[in-house]
Every structure is written in structure tokens, then in C-alpha cells.
Protein backbone atom coordinates (compact mmCIF):
# COMPACT_ATOMS: atom_id res chain seq x y z
CA MET A 1 -117.72 -47.18 122.39
CA LYS A 2 -115.55 -50.06 121.23
CA PRO A 3 -117.18 -53.64 122.33
CA ILE A 4 -116.20 -55.23 125.25
CA ILE A 5 -115.05 -59.02 125.19
CA LEU A 6 -114.63 -61.08 128.26
CA ALA A 7 -112.29 -63.55 127.36
CA SER A 8 -113.71 -66.09 129.75
CA GLU A 9 -116.99 -68.53 129.96
CA SER A 10 -116.67 -68.30 134.03
CA PRO A 11 -120.22 -67.43 135.14
CA ARG A 12 -119.01 -65.55 138.23
CA ARG A 13 -116.55 -63.20 136.25
CA LYS A 14 -120.02 -62.63 133.75
CA ASP A 15 -122.16 -62.17 136.60
CA LEU A 16 -119.61 -59.40 138.18
CA LEU A 17 -119.31 -57.01 134.80
CA LYS A 18 -123.68 -57.42 134.71
CA GLN A 19 -123.40 -56.22 138.18
CA ILE A 20 -121.49 -53.10 137.43
CA GLY A 21 -123.37 -52.28 134.02
CA ILE A 22 -120.72 -53.40 131.46
CA ASN A 23 -122.07 -54.62 128.09
CA PHE A 24 -120.31 -57.34 127.17
CA GLU A 25 -119.93 -60.57 124.50
CA VAL A 26 -117.62 -63.66 125.71
CA ASP A 27 -114.79 -64.72 123.39
CA PRO A 28 -113.22 -68.00 125.84
CA SER A 29 -109.57 -67.57 125.29
CA ASN A 30 -107.92 -71.36 123.96
CA TYR A 31 -104.69 -70.07 125.78
CA GLN A 32 -103.05 -74.03 126.95
CA GLU A 33 -101.06 -72.82 130.65
CA GLU A 34 -97.80 -73.35 130.48
CA LYS A 35 -97.43 -76.35 133.40
CA ASN A 36 -93.68 -75.54 134.25
CA LEU A 37 -93.73 -71.54 134.91
CA ASN A 38 -91.48 -70.79 138.10
CA LEU A 39 -93.10 -67.46 138.27
CA GLU A 40 -93.97 -66.05 141.86
CA PRO A 41 -97.64 -65.85 142.70
CA HIS A 42 -98.47 -62.09 141.84
CA LYS A 43 -96.15 -62.46 138.56
CA LEU A 44 -97.87 -65.18 137.67
CA ALA A 45 -101.36 -64.42 137.37
CA LYS A 46 -99.70 -61.33 135.58
CA TYR A 47 -98.50 -63.07 133.05
CA LEU A 48 -101.46 -65.90 131.92
CA SER A 49 -104.25 -63.33 132.44
CA LEU A 50 -102.13 -61.12 129.34
CA GLN A 51 -101.57 -64.07 127.92
CA LYS A 52 -105.51 -65.15 127.55
CA ALA A 53 -106.07 -61.67 126.73
CA LYS A 54 -103.70 -61.78 123.62
CA ASP A 55 -105.07 -64.76 122.65
CA VAL A 56 -108.50 -63.11 122.48
CA ALA A 57 -107.55 -60.17 120.80
CA THR A 58 -106.27 -61.83 117.77
CA ARG A 59 -109.99 -62.65 116.56
CA HIS A 60 -111.64 -59.01 118.09
CA LYS A 61 -109.98 -55.75 116.00
CA LYS A 62 -111.22 -52.03 117.66
CA SER A 63 -112.51 -53.73 120.65
CA ILE A 64 -111.09 -53.82 124.32
CA ILE A 65 -110.67 -57.43 125.96
CA ILE A 66 -110.49 -58.30 129.90
CA ALA A 67 -109.39 -61.05 131.07
CA ALA A 68 -108.27 -62.95 134.47
CA ASP A 69 -106.88 -65.81 136.12
CA THR A 70 -107.33 -66.55 139.53
CA PHE A 71 -106.11 -68.85 142.23
CA VAL A 72 -105.88 -69.71 145.67
CA VAL A 73 -101.97 -69.07 147.70
CA PHE A 74 -101.21 -71.21 150.84
CA GLU A 75 -97.67 -71.67 152.30
CA GLY A 76 -96.38 -69.79 149.60
CA LYS A 77 -97.96 -72.47 146.58
CA VAL A 78 -100.77 -72.22 144.73
CA ILE A 79 -103.32 -74.32 145.22
CA GLY A 80 -105.09 -75.83 142.25
CA LYS A 81 -108.91 -76.85 141.85
CA PRO A 82 -109.27 -80.45 143.54
CA ASN A 83 -109.29 -83.27 141.07
CA SER A 84 -111.15 -85.30 143.92
CA LYS A 85 -113.75 -84.81 146.69
CA GLU A 86 -110.40 -86.61 148.44
CA GLU A 87 -108.32 -84.62 147.03
CA ALA A 88 -110.54 -81.40 148.55
CA ARG A 89 -111.11 -82.20 151.89
CA GLU A 90 -107.17 -82.73 152.16
CA LYS A 91 -107.40 -78.67 151.12
CA LEU A 92 -109.87 -77.58 153.32
CA ASN A 93 -108.36 -79.99 156.09
CA LYS A 94 -104.84 -78.43 155.40
CA MET A 95 -105.90 -74.46 155.18
CA SER A 96 -108.85 -74.88 158.40
CA GLY A 97 -107.86 -72.15 160.97
CA ARG A 98 -105.26 -70.52 158.75
CA PRO A 99 -105.23 -68.27 156.37
CA HIS A 100 -105.02 -67.95 152.62
CA SER A 101 -104.51 -65.79 150.30
CA VAL A 102 -106.91 -65.19 146.92
CA ILE A 103 -105.29 -63.39 144.01
CA THR A 104 -106.31 -62.49 140.91
CA GLY A 105 -104.43 -61.47 137.30
CA PHE A 106 -106.37 -58.90 135.42
CA ALA A 107 -105.29 -57.50 131.88
CA ILE A 108 -106.62 -55.23 129.72
CA ILE A 109 -105.76 -54.50 125.86
CA ASP A 110 -107.51 -51.54 122.70
CA THR A 111 -106.80 -54.05 119.94
CA GLU A 112 -107.21 -51.25 118.06
CA THR A 113 -104.18 -49.00 119.58
CA ASN A 114 -102.54 -51.68 121.38
CA LYS A 115 -102.54 -49.92 124.79
CA MET A 116 -102.25 -53.17 127.47
CA VAL A 117 -102.63 -53.27 131.33
CA SER A 118 -101.85 -56.47 133.71
CA LYS A 119 -102.28 -55.91 137.35
CA SER A 120 -102.31 -58.14 140.38
CA VAL A 121 -105.48 -58.05 143.51
CA GLU A 122 -104.61 -59.87 146.56
CA THR A 123 -107.10 -60.44 148.92
CA LYS A 124 -106.31 -62.51 152.37
CA ILE A 125 -109.03 -64.96 153.79
CA TYR A 126 -108.57 -65.91 157.29
CA PHE A 127 -111.01 -69.36 157.66
CA LYS A 128 -112.28 -70.55 161.09
CA ASN A 129 -111.89 -74.02 162.20
CA ILE A 130 -113.43 -76.65 160.09
CA THR A 131 -114.30 -79.67 161.66
CA SER A 132 -114.62 -82.81 159.77
CA GLU A 133 -117.89 -82.60 159.04
CA GLU A 134 -117.94 -79.45 157.93
CA ILE A 135 -115.73 -80.60 155.63
CA ASP A 136 -117.32 -83.29 154.59
CA SER A 137 -120.85 -82.06 154.54
CA TYR A 138 -119.46 -79.47 152.13
CA VAL A 139 -117.63 -81.75 150.21
CA ALA A 140 -120.45 -83.38 149.29
CA SER A 141 -122.68 -80.62 148.53
CA GLY A 142 -120.54 -80.60 145.20
CA GLU A 143 -119.55 -77.29 145.32
CA SER A 144 -115.97 -77.66 145.73
CA MET A 145 -115.25 -79.59 142.51
CA ASP A 146 -114.78 -76.64 139.95
CA LYS A 147 -113.27 -74.35 142.43
CA GLY A 148 -110.13 -72.85 143.50
CA GLY A 149 -108.48 -74.34 146.70
CA GLY A 150 -112.11 -75.82 147.04
CA TYR A 151 -114.31 -73.46 148.35
CA ALA A 152 -116.54 -70.33 146.78
CA ILE A 153 -116.94 -67.51 149.29
CA GLN A 154 -120.15 -66.45 147.34
CA GLY A 155 -121.91 -70.08 148.05
CA LEU A 156 -121.83 -72.26 150.90
CA GLY A 157 -118.44 -71.94 151.17
CA GLY A 158 -119.00 -68.53 152.87
CA ILE A 159 -119.81 -70.18 156.22
CA LEU A 160 -116.04 -71.66 156.30
CA ILE A 161 -114.26 -67.82 156.26
CA ASP A 162 -113.97 -66.15 159.68
CA LYS A 163 -112.67 -63.16 158.08
CA ILE A 164 -111.48 -61.28 155.28
CA GLU A 165 -108.94 -58.64 154.55
CA GLY A 166 -108.91 -57.01 151.02
CA ASP A 167 -111.73 -56.99 148.09
CA TYR A 168 -114.42 -59.69 148.20
CA TYR A 169 -115.49 -59.52 144.43
CA ASN A 170 -111.39 -60.20 143.84
CA VAL A 171 -112.09 -63.91 145.98
CA VAL A 172 -115.06 -64.20 143.28
CA GLY A 173 -112.73 -63.83 140.38
CA LEU A 174 -112.57 -59.84 139.59
CA PRO A 175 -111.55 -56.67 141.52
CA LEU A 176 -113.85 -54.61 140.32
CA PRO A 177 -112.50 -51.22 142.45
CA VAL A 178 -109.64 -51.41 140.21
CA LEU A 179 -110.15 -53.11 137.54
CA VAL A 180 -113.12 -50.13 136.66
CA GLU A 181 -110.17 -47.30 137.50
CA GLU A 182 -108.70 -48.99 134.68
CA LEU A 183 -111.07 -49.46 132.18
CA LYS A 184 -111.67 -45.28 132.63
CA ASN A 185 -107.80 -45.07 131.31
CA PHE A 186 -109.89 -47.42 128.10
CA GLY A 187 -112.40 -44.60 128.19
CA VAL A 188 -114.97 -47.68 129.20
CA LYS A 189 -116.86 -45.33 131.75
CA VAL A 190 -119.05 -47.37 134.59
CA LEU A 191 -120.23 -44.48 136.90
């Protein structure tokens, strides 16, 4: 089997691939995201993940490259990682009691055959009504600072959520069921 390369340093993505028993190496992408891309969220997610995969593909012959990009979409706009605790509070306060989406784009490239695929998956998240005190406590935990939308579903942020529609793993960083189906087309078997 060809080596599998994860084009990401995300500890969450590493954990998800380990969870399903995939042996892989990590080689993070050096792709610098363009700030002026005017694409709708699904196209943006697919584009960014493909650019990351292509960057890493140049460094690996006869390998399978997996790259991904995950972000939160609220009221039609991509919500990035907060730059300050105040910004984290603002994001969480706006999303309190309201739905938003998490979109992950992923790309797979076989560097031997140049076969590639890029897909996106959306999960809808419904936040409960979060009090100002809960928001302050959550932001004080530090968990919100390096997370898109200012929360982590797999951590303490899970208690902010009323319900989800779709793939939980997608919110964490990789839509495992869809990814595994696509990996089969590249000769990678999980089960």
C-alpha cells in the first residue's frame, strides 16, 4: 500500500485518522490561504483543501495525500478563529440560540496516478441559549481561542450545543464516513 500523508498538523485530524486505524505520516501544507477569495462556502472549502493537498503532493512520490479545511458559517459568512477573548465572546453571543453550519472540505491526491478528488460536507449545529456567564466561563477556559467559531464540539464546548444535524466527525475536522468511502476509490481499505 502507498504511504498516506496527512497534510495537516491538526491534533484532531490526527486523532480521527488513528481512530479508524489508518497508518499515516504528517507533512503540513505550506499553502498560504488567499484572503480575497470570493467563493461560496462549499466551493471555498473544496478549493482550500485541494490547494493544501497539491502543495504537499509536490514533496511525495507514489503516495496518497489527504488535506482538509474546516470552518464555521454563520448567516452566510465564514466565521474564523477569534483573535481575542473579546472576539470569542462576541462570536458565541451572536450564535447563542441560533443555528450555524460547519463545513469541511477535503481533498485526496494519488501522486503516482495524479487522480484527485475534492468534496465538502456540511453539518448543522444548533446552539442552546447560552448565558453571558456561561460564555465568560467558557472563554476563560481558553478552549475557544484556536477554534473556528470560537468553540470545540469535542471538548467543553460540547455543552453549548442543543443538537446537530449531520456528521459529528465533520465538525471535529474530518467527515469520516465520506472520507472512508472516497479512500476506497484510491485503494485504501479501512474495514
